[in-house]
Every structure is written in structure tokens, then in C-alpha cells.
Amino acid sequence: MHQHVHMMAGPENDDGDTVVVTDVKPKTKRPPLYKVLLLNDDYTPMEFVVHVLERFFGLNHAQAFEIMLTVHKKGLAVVGVFSHEIAETKVAQVMDYARRHQHPLQCTMEKEE
């Protein structure tokens, strides 16, 4: 995200809303975010992947289908970016759910650079 260091408080921006200038603290370390990745395999049915995406990542069918195709074609896809705790939970949920259904679906997380 692009941010100007010196923000001049103009009376209005283009939308005609009053501009609120918030105090930006200098360089606060944000907690690192983690990408949750879904990996392709030759056994997990596409429908199952779509279902997992809808169920655990709150995607609608079209979004889930799109990501599933990306996983299928590219070998993996980022399904979301979360804080460490949430990413870890999602990975565990997906892996557990896949195992219970006897699918070898792999879900991993990696730190956002």
C-alpha cells in the first residue's frame, strides 16, 4: 500500500467525504502474515477441493472453483492470508478433514515476505 509520509489534510477528497488524517505511528511492526497454500495431488477429487475451500475459507462456489483450477494447473495456489494462529488452524482443519475423508490433500503455510 502506498502511503505518503506527510499527509496534508485537504478539506475534501474526490468523493466529497471529509478527509480524516489518522496518526500513523512510525514503523510499528505488524505481526507477520502467513499464506495458506493448497497443493495439487493426483488423487483428491476436484469437488472435494472446492468443498474444502467453501467450507474452511468462506469462498463462494465460483471463487473456490477458480482456486481449485489454479491448484490443478499450477500445482499450488494461495487460498488466503492470515495471522499465524489462524493460518495454523486452517491448515490443521483442512489436513484433518482431508484425512478423515481419506484424501491426500496437502495444505501448508508460509510466511509472507
N, C-alpha and C. Protein backbone atom coordinates (compact mmCIF):
# COMPACT_ATOMS: atom_id res chain seq x y z
N MET A 1 0.85 -1.19 0.00
CA MET A 1 0.00 0.00 0.00
C MET A 1 0.88 1.23 0.00
N HIS A 2 0.57 2.18 -0.82
CA HIS A 2 1.37 3.38 -0.93
C HIS A 2 0.91 4.38 0.12
N GLN A 3 1.87 4.90 0.86
CA GLN A 3 1.48 5.85 1.90
C GLN A 3 2.40 7.05 1.89
N HIS A 4 1.84 8.23 1.82
CA HIS A 4 2.66 9.43 1.88
C HIS A 4 3.04 9.67 3.31
N VAL A 5 4.30 10.10 3.50
CA VAL A 5 4.75 10.35 4.86
C VAL A 5 4.09 11.62 5.39
N HIS A 6 4.12 12.68 4.59
CA HIS A 6 3.47 13.90 5.03
C HIS A 6 2.10 13.97 4.38
N MET A 7 1.07 13.72 5.16
CA MET A 7 -0.26 13.80 4.58
C MET A 7 -0.85 15.15 4.90
N MET A 8 -1.15 15.90 3.86
CA MET A 8 -1.76 17.19 4.08
C MET A 8 -3.25 16.97 4.24
N ALA A 9 -3.82 17.61 5.22
CA ALA A 9 -5.24 17.45 5.43
C ALA A 9 -5.98 18.40 4.48
N GLY A 10 -6.41 17.86 3.38
CA GLY A 10 -7.22 18.65 2.46
C GLY A 10 -8.62 18.67 3.00
N PRO A 11 -9.43 19.66 2.65
CA PRO A 11 -10.79 19.70 3.18
C PRO A 11 -11.61 18.52 2.69
N GLU A 12 -11.42 18.12 1.44
CA GLU A 12 -12.23 17.04 0.88
C GLU A 12 -11.40 16.23 -0.09
N ASN A 13 -11.74 14.95 -0.19
CA ASN A 13 -11.12 14.19 -1.26
C ASN A 13 -12.11 14.12 -2.43
N ASP A 14 -11.80 13.31 -3.43
CA ASP A 14 -12.61 13.30 -4.65
C ASP A 14 -14.05 12.87 -4.42
N ASP A 15 -14.27 12.07 -3.42
CA ASP A 15 -15.63 11.59 -3.18
C ASP A 15 -16.47 12.61 -2.44
N GLY A 16 -15.86 13.70 -2.04
CA GLY A 16 -16.61 14.70 -1.30
C GLY A 16 -16.74 14.34 0.17
N ASP A 17 -16.01 13.30 0.61
CA ASP A 17 -16.01 12.99 2.03
C ASP A 17 -14.97 13.86 2.71
N THR A 18 -15.18 14.12 3.97
CA THR A 18 -14.15 14.84 4.71
C THR A 18 -12.99 13.90 4.95
N VAL A 19 -11.77 14.39 4.71
CA VAL A 19 -10.60 13.55 4.91
C VAL A 19 -10.24 13.53 6.38
N VAL A 20 -10.09 12.33 6.91
CA VAL A 20 -9.65 12.20 8.30
C VAL A 20 -8.19 11.79 8.27
N VAL A 21 -7.35 12.59 8.87
CA VAL A 21 -5.94 12.24 8.90
C VAL A 21 -5.66 11.50 10.20
N THR A 22 -5.30 10.24 10.06
CA THR A 22 -5.04 9.46 11.27
C THR A 22 -3.56 9.57 11.60
N ASP A 23 -3.28 9.50 12.86
CA ASP A 23 -1.89 9.47 13.30
C ASP A 23 -1.29 8.13 12.98
N VAL A 24 -0.29 8.13 12.13
CA VAL A 24 0.37 6.86 11.81
C VAL A 24 1.62 6.77 12.66
N LYS A 25 1.67 5.76 13.52
CA LYS A 25 2.85 5.60 14.35
C LYS A 25 4.01 5.18 13.47
N PRO A 26 5.20 5.68 13.73
CA PRO A 26 6.32 5.33 12.86
C PRO A 26 6.64 3.84 12.95
N LYS A 27 6.62 3.18 11.81
CA LYS A 27 7.10 1.80 11.68
C LYS A 27 6.71 0.86 12.81
N THR A 28 5.43 0.71 13.05
CA THR A 28 5.04 -0.31 14.02
C THR A 28 5.16 -1.65 13.31
N LYS A 29 5.80 -2.60 13.98
CA LYS A 29 5.94 -3.93 13.40
C LYS A 29 4.59 -4.61 13.42
N ARG A 30 4.07 -4.90 12.23
CA ARG A 30 2.83 -5.66 12.19
C ARG A 30 3.18 -7.12 12.41
N PRO A 31 2.29 -7.86 13.04
CA PRO A 31 2.57 -9.30 13.15
C PRO A 31 2.64 -9.88 11.75
N PRO A 32 3.58 -10.79 11.52
CA PRO A 32 3.74 -11.34 10.17
C PRO A 32 2.48 -12.08 9.73
N LEU A 33 2.20 -12.03 8.45
CA LEU A 33 1.07 -12.75 7.90
C LEU A 33 1.56 -14.00 7.20
N TYR A 34 0.67 -14.98 7.14
CA TYR A 34 1.04 -16.25 6.54
C TYR A 34 0.09 -16.61 5.41
N LYS A 35 0.68 -17.04 4.31
CA LYS A 35 -0.13 -17.50 3.19
C LYS A 35 -0.47 -18.96 3.43
N VAL A 36 -1.73 -19.30 3.22
CA VAL A 36 -2.13 -20.70 3.29
C VAL A 36 -2.19 -21.22 1.85
N LEU A 37 -1.44 -22.30 1.61
CA LEU A 37 -1.34 -22.85 0.26
C LEU A 37 -1.99 -24.21 0.18
N LEU A 38 -2.62 -24.46 -0.93
CA LEU A 38 -3.19 -25.77 -1.22
C LEU A 38 -2.33 -26.39 -2.31
N LEU A 39 -1.92 -27.63 -2.12
CA LEU A 39 -1.04 -28.28 -3.09
C LEU A 39 -1.81 -29.33 -3.89
N ASN A 40 -1.41 -29.45 -5.12
CA ASN A 40 -2.07 -30.41 -6.01
C ASN A 40 -1.59 -31.84 -5.73
N ASP A 41 -2.47 -32.79 -5.91
CA ASP A 41 -2.08 -34.20 -5.93
C ASP A 41 -2.95 -34.89 -6.97
N ASP A 42 -2.63 -36.12 -7.27
CA ASP A 42 -3.35 -36.79 -8.36
C ASP A 42 -4.57 -37.57 -7.90
N TYR A 43 -4.89 -37.47 -6.63
CA TYR A 43 -5.94 -38.34 -6.09
C TYR A 43 -7.15 -37.60 -5.55
N THR A 44 -6.93 -36.46 -4.94
CA THR A 44 -8.05 -35.75 -4.33
C THR A 44 -9.01 -35.25 -5.41
N PRO A 45 -10.29 -35.58 -5.30
CA PRO A 45 -11.26 -35.13 -6.31
C PRO A 45 -11.41 -33.61 -6.29
N MET A 46 -11.61 -33.05 -7.46
CA MET A 46 -11.79 -31.61 -7.58
C MET A 46 -12.94 -31.11 -6.72
N GLU A 47 -14.03 -31.86 -6.69
CA GLU A 47 -15.20 -31.43 -5.91
C GLU A 47 -14.84 -31.29 -4.44
N PHE A 48 -13.97 -32.19 -3.98
CA PHE A 48 -13.59 -32.15 -2.57
C PHE A 48 -12.80 -30.88 -2.27
N VAL A 49 -11.90 -30.53 -3.18
CA VAL A 49 -11.10 -29.31 -3.01
C VAL A 49 -12.02 -28.08 -2.98
N VAL A 50 -12.96 -28.03 -3.90
CA VAL A 50 -13.91 -26.92 -3.95
C VAL A 50 -14.69 -26.85 -2.63
N HIS A 51 -15.12 -28.00 -2.16
CA HIS A 51 -15.88 -28.06 -0.92
C HIS A 51 -15.05 -27.55 0.27
N VAL A 52 -13.79 -27.96 0.34
CA VAL A 52 -12.88 -27.53 1.41
C VAL A 52 -12.72 -26.01 1.39
N LEU A 53 -12.56 -25.46 0.19
CA LEU A 53 -12.37 -24.01 0.06
C LEU A 53 -13.60 -23.24 0.51
N GLU A 54 -14.76 -23.77 0.15
CA GLU A 54 -16.01 -23.12 0.56
C GLU A 54 -16.18 -23.22 2.08
N ARG A 55 -15.90 -24.40 2.59
CA ARG A 55 -16.18 -24.67 3.99
C ARG A 55 -15.22 -23.98 4.95
N PHE A 56 -13.92 -24.03 4.64
CA PHE A 56 -12.93 -23.51 5.60
C PHE A 56 -12.44 -22.10 5.27
N PHE A 57 -12.66 -21.66 4.04
CA PHE A 57 -12.14 -20.35 3.68
C PHE A 57 -13.25 -19.38 3.28
N GLY A 58 -14.50 -19.83 3.44
CA GLY A 58 -15.64 -18.94 3.22
C GLY A 58 -15.76 -18.41 1.81
N LEU A 59 -15.24 -19.17 0.84
CA LEU A 59 -15.33 -18.72 -0.55
C LEU A 59 -16.67 -19.14 -1.14
N ASN A 60 -17.12 -18.41 -2.13
CA ASN A 60 -18.31 -18.88 -2.84
C ASN A 60 -17.88 -19.91 -3.88
N HIS A 61 -18.84 -20.54 -4.52
CA HIS A 61 -18.53 -21.65 -5.41
C HIS A 61 -17.61 -21.25 -6.56
N ALA A 62 -17.88 -20.08 -7.14
CA ALA A 62 -17.09 -19.62 -8.28
C ALA A 62 -15.63 -19.36 -7.87
N GLN A 63 -15.45 -18.72 -6.72
CA GLN A 63 -14.10 -18.44 -6.22
C GLN A 63 -13.35 -19.74 -5.92
N ALA A 64 -14.04 -20.65 -5.26
CA ALA A 64 -13.45 -21.92 -4.88
C ALA A 64 -13.06 -22.72 -6.13
N PHE A 65 -13.93 -22.68 -7.12
CA PHE A 65 -13.69 -23.40 -8.37
C PHE A 65 -12.44 -22.86 -9.07
N GLU A 66 -12.36 -21.53 -9.08
CA GLU A 66 -11.23 -20.83 -9.70
C GLU A 66 -9.90 -21.24 -9.05
N ILE A 67 -9.88 -21.24 -7.71
CA ILE A 67 -8.66 -21.61 -6.98
C ILE A 67 -8.31 -23.07 -7.21
N MET A 68 -9.35 -23.92 -7.18
CA MET A 68 -9.12 -25.34 -7.42
C MET A 68 -8.45 -25.55 -8.78
N LEU A 69 -8.90 -24.81 -9.80
CA LEU A 69 -8.31 -24.93 -11.13
C LEU A 69 -6.85 -24.47 -11.13
N THR A 70 -6.59 -23.41 -10.39
CA THR A 70 -5.21 -22.92 -10.28
C THR A 70 -4.32 -23.98 -9.64
N VAL A 71 -4.81 -24.58 -8.56
CA VAL A 71 -4.06 -25.65 -7.90
C VAL A 71 -3.79 -26.77 -8.91
N HIS A 72 -4.82 -27.13 -9.64
CA HIS A 72 -4.75 -28.21 -10.61
C HIS A 72 -3.72 -27.91 -11.71
N LYS A 73 -3.75 -26.68 -12.21
CA LYS A 73 -2.88 -26.32 -13.33
C LYS A 73 -1.46 -25.96 -12.90
N LYS A 74 -1.35 -25.24 -11.78
CA LYS A 74 -0.02 -24.74 -11.39
C LYS A 74 0.65 -25.57 -10.31
N GLY A 75 -0.11 -26.49 -9.71
CA GLY A 75 0.49 -27.32 -8.67
C GLY A 75 0.23 -26.82 -7.26
N LEU A 76 -0.09 -25.52 -7.15
CA LEU A 76 -0.46 -24.97 -5.85
C LEU A 76 -1.12 -23.62 -6.04
N ALA A 77 -1.81 -23.17 -5.00
CA ALA A 77 -2.41 -21.84 -5.03
C ALA A 77 -2.51 -21.32 -3.61
N VAL A 78 -2.41 -20.00 -3.50
CA VAL A 78 -2.63 -19.35 -2.21
C VAL A 78 -4.13 -19.23 -2.01
N VAL A 79 -4.62 -19.75 -0.90
CA VAL A 79 -6.07 -19.69 -0.68
C VAL A 79 -6.47 -18.59 0.30
N GLY A 80 -5.47 -17.99 0.96
CA GLY A 80 -5.78 -16.90 1.86
C GLY A 80 -4.54 -16.48 2.62
N VAL A 81 -4.63 -15.31 3.23
CA VAL A 81 -3.52 -14.80 4.03
C VAL A 81 -4.06 -14.44 5.40
N PHE A 82 -3.43 -15.00 6.42
CA PHE A 82 -3.96 -14.88 7.77
C PHE A 82 -2.84 -14.63 8.78
N SER A 83 -3.22 -14.30 9.99
CA SER A 83 -2.25 -14.25 11.07
C SER A 83 -1.78 -15.69 11.33
N HIS A 84 -0.65 -15.82 12.02
CA HIS A 84 -0.05 -17.14 12.24
C HIS A 84 -1.04 -18.13 12.84
N GLU A 85 -1.72 -17.67 13.87
CA GLU A 85 -2.65 -18.54 14.60
C GLU A 85 -3.77 -19.06 13.70
N ILE A 86 -4.36 -18.15 12.94
CA ILE A 86 -5.48 -18.54 12.08
C ILE A 86 -4.99 -19.42 10.94
N ALA A 87 -3.86 -19.07 10.36
CA ALA A 87 -3.29 -19.88 9.28
C ALA A 87 -3.05 -21.31 9.76
N GLU A 88 -2.47 -21.42 10.94
CA GLU A 88 -2.18 -22.72 11.52
C GLU A 88 -3.46 -23.53 11.72
N THR A 89 -4.48 -22.87 12.23
CA THR A 89 -5.77 -23.52 12.46
C THR A 89 -6.37 -24.01 11.16
N LYS A 90 -6.35 -23.16 10.13
CA LYS A 90 -6.92 -23.53 8.84
C LYS A 90 -6.20 -24.74 8.25
N VAL A 91 -4.87 -24.70 8.30
CA VAL A 91 -4.07 -25.81 7.77
C VAL A 91 -4.44 -27.11 8.49
N ALA A 92 -4.53 -27.03 9.81
CA ALA A 92 -4.86 -28.21 10.61
C ALA A 92 -6.25 -28.72 10.26
N GLN A 93 -7.21 -27.80 10.13
CA GLN A 93 -8.59 -28.18 9.81
C GLN A 93 -8.66 -28.89 8.46
N VAL A 94 -8.00 -28.30 7.47
CA VAL A 94 -8.03 -28.87 6.11
C VAL A 94 -7.38 -30.25 6.10
N MET A 95 -6.21 -30.37 6.73
CA MET A 95 -5.49 -31.64 6.74
C MET A 95 -6.30 -32.72 7.45
N ASP A 96 -6.89 -32.33 8.57
CA ASP A 96 -7.68 -33.27 9.36
C ASP A 96 -8.90 -33.73 8.57
N TYR A 97 -9.56 -32.76 7.94
CA TYR A 97 -10.76 -33.04 7.16
C TYR A 97 -10.43 -33.95 5.98
N ALA A 98 -9.34 -33.66 5.31
CA ALA A 98 -8.92 -34.48 4.16
C ALA A 98 -8.59 -35.90 4.60
N ARG A 99 -7.86 -36.01 5.71
CA ARG A 99 -7.51 -37.34 6.22
C ARG A 99 -8.75 -38.14 6.56
N ARG A 100 -9.71 -37.49 7.21
CA ARG A 100 -10.94 -38.19 7.58
C ARG A 100 -11.67 -38.72 6.36
N HIS A 101 -11.51 -38.01 5.24
CA HIS A 101 -12.16 -38.46 4.00
C HIS A 101 -11.20 -39.26 3.13
N GLN A 102 -10.07 -39.64 3.72
CA GLN A 102 -9.05 -40.44 3.03
C GLN A 102 -8.55 -39.82 1.73
N HIS A 103 -8.37 -38.50 1.75
CA HIS A 103 -7.75 -37.84 0.60
C HIS A 103 -6.37 -37.34 1.03
N PRO A 104 -5.41 -37.40 0.12
CA PRO A 104 -4.04 -36.98 0.48
C PRO A 104 -3.81 -35.48 0.31
N LEU A 105 -4.86 -34.72 0.30
CA LEU A 105 -4.77 -33.27 0.09
C LEU A 105 -3.78 -32.64 1.08
N GLN A 106 -2.88 -31.83 0.56
CA GLN A 106 -1.89 -31.17 1.39
C GLN A 106 -2.17 -29.68 1.47
N CYS A 107 -2.09 -29.15 2.68
CA CYS A 107 -2.28 -27.74 2.91
C CYS A 107 -1.11 -27.26 3.75
N THR A 108 -0.44 -26.21 3.32
CA THR A 108 0.70 -25.71 4.08
C THR A 108 0.60 -24.21 4.25
N MET A 109 1.48 -23.67 5.06
CA MET A 109 1.53 -22.22 5.23
C MET A 109 2.95 -21.72 5.08
N GLU A 110 3.09 -20.53 4.57
CA GLU A 110 4.41 -19.92 4.55
C GLU A 110 4.31 -18.45 4.83
N LYS A 111 5.36 -17.90 5.40
CA LYS A 111 5.37 -16.52 5.82
C LYS A 111 5.36 -15.60 4.61
N GLU A 112 4.54 -14.56 4.70
CA GLU A 112 4.52 -13.56 3.65
C GLU A 112 5.81 -12.75 3.72
N GLU A 113 6.45 -12.58 2.59
CA GLU A 113 7.68 -11.76 2.58
C GLU A 113 7.31 -10.29 2.65
